[in-house]
Amino acid sequence: MVFNVVGVRFKQAGKIYYFDPQSIEVKPGDYVIVETARGIEFGQVMIGPKQVGEDKVTLPLKNVLRIATPEDHVQLQENKEKEKKALVICQQKIEQHKLDMKLIDVEYTFDRSKIIFYFTADGRVDFRELVKDLAAVFRTRIELRQIGVRDEAKMIGGLGPCGRPLCCATFLGDFEPVSIKMAKEQNLSLNPAKISGICSRLMCCLKFESSGYRDTKADLPLVGSKVRVDCREGKIIETNQLRETLVVQFENGDKREVLLSEVEEIILEDEGAAEKQPQGE
């Protein structure tokens, strides 16, 4: 079965969810009011309309209710102001109950039917009394959601070791598994301080840059290979994947960094006999 959908995002670097636009004409960039499992929400159309298969959607498919009106935009801003006040009140309640938890963020659903408080903690926290107090203050449904350190960094934002805003807070919609093998493939120092983000986990860029490094590495000769440069034979002792350069040591001991395009031949040794393979243009 094929569905006509639009992709809607609720936060700057949030996940994109599919909705049924029904007969409403929407295009990327439009702000819309949609029906979700947790209530009515305000989002921005990022994809579509387009046709997708049943395996790409979560059934039952929720609907786009309308294009956002000026009044909806005003309500969204009012919700943001309420969230700031709710953050202060909740923090005070946490201190009163002496709970070992760190409040990270507060989010109102667009229709104000629920307030979600995000927090981190080292273990399980008994916050039942806290929920009762908050419900008495706000007189609406209260949800406390424990998140991990990567989600905390995504919500708070900041600057990464590269000096740029965090990838997770600016454009990464989903977290993907990151392994130390990816750091090895990119010839990075395995010092945790060098390859960890502000969340103390392996940096997300190791994942989304790994395919580029892998493709580049496939085009470079292996360290130890013999090559011919300017009619001189030498041995590769180092490679730089980003710059696509090789450090070649010649027979007289001289070393030189050359571009991959400067290599005239890669000399392959097969059972003791040297074969010469022309380097592609």
Protein backbone atom coordinates (compact mmCIF):
# COMPACT_ATOMS: atom_id res chain seq x y z
CA MET A 1 0.00 0.00 0.00
CA VAL A 2 1.22 3.52 -0.85
CA PHE A 3 0.48 6.62 1.21
CA ASN A 4 0.59 10.29 0.30
CA VAL A 5 2.51 12.00 3.12
CA VAL A 6 4.38 15.11 4.18
CA GLY A 7 7.38 15.11 6.55
CA VAL A 8 7.02 17.39 9.57
CA ARG A 9 9.66 18.41 12.09
CA PHE A 10 8.86 19.86 15.52
CA LYS A 11 12.33 20.99 16.62
CA GLN A 12 15.31 22.45 14.79
CA ALA A 13 17.29 19.23 14.72
CA GLY A 14 14.43 16.89 15.55
CA LYS A 15 13.30 13.73 13.84
CA ILE A 16 10.99 14.05 10.83
CA TYR A 17 7.60 12.36 11.11
CA TYR A 18 5.15 11.55 8.32
CA PHE A 19 1.56 12.85 8.32
CA ASP A 20 -1.40 12.61 5.97
CA PRO A 21 -1.97 16.07 4.42
CA GLN A 22 -5.53 15.03 3.48
CA SER A 23 -6.84 17.63 1.02
CA ILE A 24 -4.72 20.46 2.46
CA GLU A 25 -2.16 21.89 0.03
CA VAL A 26 1.12 22.20 1.90
CA LYS A 27 4.70 22.64 0.74
CA PRO A 28 8.13 22.51 2.41
CA GLY A 29 8.58 25.48 4.71
CA ASP A 30 4.91 25.77 5.69
CA TYR A 31 4.00 25.70 9.37
CA VAL A 32 1.18 23.31 10.19
CA ILE A 33 -0.93 22.05 13.07
CA VAL A 34 -0.94 18.25 13.24
CA GLU A 35 -2.49 15.51 15.31
CA THR A 36 0.03 13.37 17.23
CA ALA A 37 -0.10 10.59 19.78
CA ARG A 38 0.55 13.08 22.58
CA GLY A 39 -1.87 15.77 21.42
CA ILE A 40 -2.09 18.65 18.95
CA GLU A 41 1.34 19.94 17.89
CA PHE A 42 2.87 22.80 15.88
CA GLY A 43 5.49 21.83 13.29
CA GLN A 44 7.15 22.75 10.02
CA VAL A 45 6.85 20.83 6.77
CA MET A 46 10.29 19.64 5.66
CA ILE A 47 9.40 16.99 3.04
CA GLY A 48 6.67 16.44 0.54
CA PRO A 49 4.08 15.80 -0.42
CA LYS A 50 5.33 12.44 -1.70
CA GLN A 51 4.35 8.79 -2.02
CA VAL A 52 5.85 6.28 0.44
CA GLY A 53 5.32 2.59 1.09
CA GLU A 54 3.65 1.11 4.14
CA ASP A 55 7.02 0.11 5.61
CA LYS A 56 8.04 3.79 5.85
CA VAL A 57 5.11 5.00 7.98
CA THR A 58 3.74 4.30 11.43
CA LEU A 59 0.10 3.29 11.30
CA PRO A 60 -2.42 4.66 11.90
CA LEU A 61 -1.15 7.68 9.99
CA LYS A 62 -2.02 10.93 11.79
CA ASN A 63 -3.43 13.95 9.95
CA VAL A 64 -2.39 17.48 9.17
CA LEU A 65 -5.24 19.52 10.64
CA ARG A 66 -4.56 22.93 9.09
CA ILE A 67 -1.99 25.46 8.00
CA ALA A 68 -0.82 27.39 11.08
CA THR A 69 -2.59 30.73 11.54
CA PRO A 70 -1.17 33.94 13.06
CA GLU A 71 -3.03 33.02 16.25
CA ASP A 72 -1.21 29.67 16.31
CA HIS A 73 2.14 31.44 16.10
CA VAL A 74 1.13 33.67 19.02
CA GLN A 75 0.15 30.62 21.07
CA LEU A 76 3.48 28.98 20.29
CA GLN A 77 5.35 32.00 21.68
CA GLU A 78 3.11 32.04 24.75
CA ASN A 79 3.95 28.37 25.32
CA LYS A 80 7.67 29.17 25.19
CA GLU A 81 7.23 31.84 27.85
CA LYS A 82 5.25 29.42 30.01
CA GLU A 83 8.03 26.84 29.61
CA LYS A 84 10.58 29.25 31.08
CA LYS A 85 8.40 29.81 34.16
CA ALA A 86 7.68 26.08 34.49
CA LEU A 87 11.43 25.36 34.44
CA VAL A 88 11.99 27.66 37.43
CA ILE A 89 9.06 26.24 39.39
CA CYS A 90 10.08 22.64 38.77
CA GLN A 91 13.67 23.33 39.81
CA GLN A 92 12.41 24.79 43.09
CA LYS A 93 10.25 21.72 43.69
CA ILE A 94 13.18 19.39 42.99
CA GLU A 95 15.26 21.22 45.59
CA GLN A 96 12.41 21.08 48.11
CA HIS A 97 12.12 17.31 47.69
CA LYS A 98 15.95 16.94 47.69
CA LEU A 99 15.87 14.74 44.60
CA ASP A 100 19.13 13.68 42.98
CA MET A 101 18.19 14.73 39.44
CA LYS A 102 19.21 17.45 37.00
CA LEU A 103 16.40 19.29 35.20
CA ILE A 104 17.31 19.84 31.53
CA ASP A 105 14.31 21.23 29.69
CA VAL A 106 10.55 21.76 29.80
CA GLU A 107 8.15 21.38 26.89
CA TYR A 108 4.46 22.19 26.60
CA THR A 109 2.41 20.37 23.99
CA PHE A 110 0.90 22.94 21.64
CA ASP A 111 -2.62 22.51 23.03
CA ARG A 112 -1.23 22.70 26.59
CA SER A 113 -2.75 19.34 27.44
CA LYS A 114 0.56 18.10 28.85
CA ILE A 115 3.87 19.43 30.21
CA ILE A 116 6.96 17.28 29.74
CA PHE A 117 9.95 17.78 32.06
CA TYR A 118 13.23 16.29 30.83
CA PHE A 119 15.91 15.38 33.34
CA THR A 120 19.07 13.35 33.82
CA ALA A 121 20.02 11.23 36.81
CA ASP A 122 22.60 8.57 37.65
CA GLY A 123 19.93 6.03 38.54
CA ARG A 124 16.23 5.62 39.19
CA VAL A 125 14.46 8.52 40.89
CA ASP A 126 11.23 8.31 42.89
CA PHE A 127 9.51 11.47 41.70
CA ARG A 128 5.91 10.58 42.54
CA GLU A 129 5.56 13.35 45.13
CA LEU A 130 7.16 15.80 42.73
CA VAL A 131 4.59 14.94 40.05
CA LYS A 132 1.75 15.54 42.53
CA ASP A 133 3.14 18.97 43.41
CA LEU A 134 3.58 19.95 39.76
CA ALA A 135 0.09 18.76 38.85
CA ALA A 136 -1.34 20.89 41.67
CA VAL A 137 0.51 23.96 40.37
CA PHE A 138 -0.11 23.61 36.63
CA ARG A 139 -3.42 21.72 36.71
CA THR A 140 -2.64 19.66 33.64
CA ARG A 141 -1.02 16.30 32.79
CA ILE A 142 2.58 16.03 33.93
CA GLU A 143 5.25 13.77 32.45
CA LEU A 144 8.81 13.45 33.74
CA ARG A 145 11.12 11.86 31.19
CA GLN A 146 14.64 10.70 32.00
CA ILE A 147 17.08 11.20 29.12
CA GLY A 148 20.69 10.28 28.40
CA VAL A 149 23.75 12.50 28.14
CA ARG A 150 23.59 12.64 24.34
CA ASP A 151 20.00 13.91 24.46
CA GLU A 152 21.07 16.44 27.10
CA ALA A 153 23.74 17.84 24.78
CA LYS A 154 21.24 17.96 21.91
CA MET A 155 18.75 19.96 23.99
CA ILE A 156 21.19 22.37 25.61
CA GLY A 157 23.50 22.84 22.61
CA GLY A 158 27.00 24.29 22.75
CA LEU A 159 30.28 24.20 20.85
CA GLY A 160 32.10 21.03 19.92
CA PRO A 161 35.89 20.45 20.02
CA CYS A 162 35.98 21.77 16.43
CA GLY A 163 34.66 25.15 17.60
CA ARG A 164 31.39 24.83 15.70
CA PRO A 165 27.85 24.37 17.12
CA LEU A 166 27.09 20.77 18.04
CA CYS A 167 26.00 18.61 15.10
CA CYS A 168 23.28 16.97 17.20
CA ALA A 169 21.78 20.36 18.05
CA THR A 170 21.90 21.80 14.54
CA PHE A 171 21.16 19.16 11.90
CA LEU A 172 21.34 15.55 13.12
CA GLY A 173 17.78 14.25 13.49
CA ASP A 174 18.69 10.86 14.96
CA PHE A 175 21.57 9.47 16.97
CA GLU A 176 23.40 6.58 15.32
CA PRO A 177 25.83 4.10 16.89
CA VAL A 178 29.44 5.31 16.90
CA SER A 179 32.38 2.93 17.37
CA ILE A 180 36.07 3.29 18.13
CA LYS A 181 36.73 1.52 14.81
CA MET A 182 35.55 4.65 13.00
CA ALA A 183 38.23 6.69 14.77
CA LYS A 184 40.86 4.15 13.73
CA GLU A 185 39.72 4.31 10.09
CA GLN A 186 40.20 8.08 10.18
CA ASN A 187 43.72 7.82 11.66
CA LEU A 188 42.69 9.76 14.76
CA SER A 189 44.28 9.65 18.18
CA LEU A 190 42.49 7.12 20.36
CA ASN A 191 42.82 9.39 23.37
CA PRO A 192 39.23 9.68 24.73
CA ALA A 193 39.71 13.41 25.31
CA LYS A 194 40.44 13.87 21.61
CA ILE A 195 37.54 11.91 20.14
CA SER A 196 34.76 12.58 22.66
CA GLY A 197 32.15 15.32 22.48
CA ILE A 198 30.90 17.47 25.37
CA CYS A 199 28.51 14.63 26.24
CA SER A 200 31.58 12.44 26.98
CA ARG A 201 30.52 10.01 24.26
CA LEU A 202 32.30 9.39 20.96
CA MET A 203 31.72 12.34 18.62
CA CYS A 204 28.81 11.98 16.20
CA CYS A 205 30.97 13.24 13.31
CA LEU A 206 32.98 10.01 13.48
CA LYS A 207 29.87 8.28 12.14
CA PHE A 208 28.66 10.57 9.37
CA GLU A 209 32.19 11.29 8.11
CA SER A 210 33.32 7.65 8.15
CA SER A 211 31.86 6.82 4.73
CA GLY A 212 33.80 9.68 3.15
CA TYR A 213 37.04 8.52 4.74
CA ARG A 214 36.33 4.95 3.66
CA ASP A 215 35.74 5.98 0.05
CA THR A 216 38.87 8.13 -0.02
CA LYS A 217 40.96 5.39 1.58
CA ALA A 218 39.87 2.99 -1.15
CA ASP A 219 41.41 5.32 -3.75
CA LEU A 220 44.77 5.63 -1.95
CA PRO A 221 47.57 3.04 -2.29
CA LEU A 222 48.44 1.17 0.90
CA VAL A 223 51.31 2.23 3.13
CA GLY A 224 54.32 0.15 2.05
CA SER A 225 53.38 0.16 -1.64
CA LYS A 226 55.99 1.15 -4.19
CA VAL A 227 55.22 3.99 -6.59
CA ARG A 228 56.90 5.94 -9.35
CA VAL A 229 56.93 9.75 -9.09
CA ASP A 230 58.85 11.95 -11.57
CA CYS A 231 60.52 8.82 -12.95
CA ARG A 232 61.82 7.88 -9.48
CA GLU A 233 60.80 4.84 -7.49
CA GLY A 234 59.86 5.18 -3.84
CA LYS A 235 57.93 3.61 -1.01
CA ILE A 236 54.82 5.06 0.61
CA ILE A 237 55.40 5.59 4.33
CA GLU A 238 52.34 7.72 5.15
CA THR A 239 48.99 8.74 3.65
CA ASN A 240 46.67 11.69 4.29
CA GLN A 241 43.08 10.84 3.38
CA LEU A 242 41.68 14.35 3.66
CA ARG A 243 44.31 15.97 1.47
CA GLU A 244 44.68 12.86 -0.74
CA THR A 245 48.45 13.01 -0.43
CA LEU A 246 51.20 10.45 0.07
CA VAL A 247 54.56 10.73 1.80
CA VAL A 248 57.03 8.86 -0.40
CA GLN A 249 60.55 7.83 0.63
CA PHE A 250 62.83 7.40 -2.34
CA GLU A 251 65.73 4.97 -2.68
CA ASN A 252 68.30 7.64 -1.75
CA GLY A 253 66.46 8.34 1.53
CA ASP A 254 64.73 11.54 0.44
CA LYS A 255 61.14 12.02 1.58
CA ARG A 256 58.50 13.99 -0.29
CA GLU A 257 54.78 14.61 0.10
CA VAL A 258 53.00 14.26 -3.25
CA LEU A 259 49.43 14.47 -4.45
CA LEU A 260 47.79 11.23 -5.53
CA SER A 261 47.46 12.72 -9.02
CA GLU A 262 51.28 13.08 -9.20
CA VAL A 263 51.81 9.33 -8.92
CA GLU A 264 52.77 8.00 -12.34
CA GLU A 265 52.66 4.29 -11.49
CA ILE A 266 51.84 1.98 -8.61
CA ILE A 267 54.29 -0.91 -8.69
CA LEU A 268 52.68 -4.19 -7.69
CA GLU A 269 54.84 -7.10 -6.60
CA ASP A 270 53.43 -10.50 -7.55
CA GLU A 271 55.40 -13.61 -6.49
CA GLY A 272 58.65 -11.71 -6.66
CA ALA A 273 58.02 -10.21 -10.09
CA ALA A 274 57.25 -6.51 -10.23
CA GLU A 275 54.28 -5.53 -12.36
CA LYS A 276 53.57 -1.95 -13.25
CA GLN A 277 50.05 -0.64 -13.11
CA PRO A 278 49.48 2.74 -14.78
CA GLN A 279 47.80 5.27 -12.51
CA GLY A 280 44.46 6.44 -13.94
CA GLU A 281 44.16 9.99 -15.13
